[in-house]
Amino acid sequence: MTGAVQVVPEEMLGRMLEAGCKLEEKIFMQAFMFVLFLSSWE
């Protein structure tokens, strides 16, 4: 399950960063930390 998170297409990652710039920094950071938590939680 963690493998799918680690193999994220660059296009999808780019869109996430693009969307993050449009969102409030606080909301983006919370979502980013949540993704890191899921990817590190084995």
Protein backbone atom coordinates (compact mmCIF):
# COMPACT_ATOMS: atom_id res chain seq x y z
CA MET A 1 0.00 0.00 0.00
CA THR A 2 2.91 2.33 0.71
CA GLY A 3 4.44 1.44 -2.67
CA ALA A 4 1.58 3.12 -4.51
CA VAL A 5 2.23 6.32 -2.57
CA GLN A 6 5.96 6.29 -3.25
CA VAL A 7 5.51 5.75 -7.00
CA VAL A 8 3.61 8.95 -7.67
CA PRO A 9 3.73 10.21 -11.28
CA GLU A 10 5.59 13.49 -11.67
CA GLU A 11 2.57 14.98 -13.42
CA MET A 12 0.34 14.20 -10.45
CA LEU A 13 2.95 15.56 -8.05
CA GLY A 14 3.20 18.72 -10.13
CA ARG A 15 -0.56 19.18 -9.99
CA MET A 16 -0.50 18.72 -6.22
CA LEU A 17 2.13 21.45 -5.85
CA GLU A 18 0.21 23.66 -8.26
CA ALA A 19 -2.99 23.20 -6.26
CA GLY A 20 -1.03 23.74 -3.04
CA CYS A 21 0.09 27.17 -4.21
CA LYS A 22 -3.54 28.13 -4.76
CA LEU A 23 -4.67 26.86 -1.38
CA GLU A 24 -3.87 28.46 1.92
CA GLU A 25 -0.42 27.48 3.15
CA LYS A 26 -1.81 26.04 6.38
CA ILE A 27 -4.23 23.71 4.59
CA PHE A 28 -1.55 22.58 2.13
CA MET A 29 0.94 21.86 4.91
CA GLN A 30 -1.63 19.82 6.82
CA ALA A 31 -2.38 17.76 3.72
CA PHE A 32 1.35 17.37 2.98
CA MET A 33 2.11 16.19 6.51
CA PHE A 34 -0.84 13.79 6.29
CA VAL A 35 0.59 12.28 3.08
CA LEU A 36 4.01 11.94 4.71
CA PHE A 37 2.38 10.25 7.70
CA LEU A 38 0.56 7.74 5.47
CA SER A 39 3.67 7.02 3.39
CA SER A 40 5.81 6.42 6.50
CA TRP A 41 3.12 4.43 8.33
CA GLU A 42 3.77 0.79 7.41
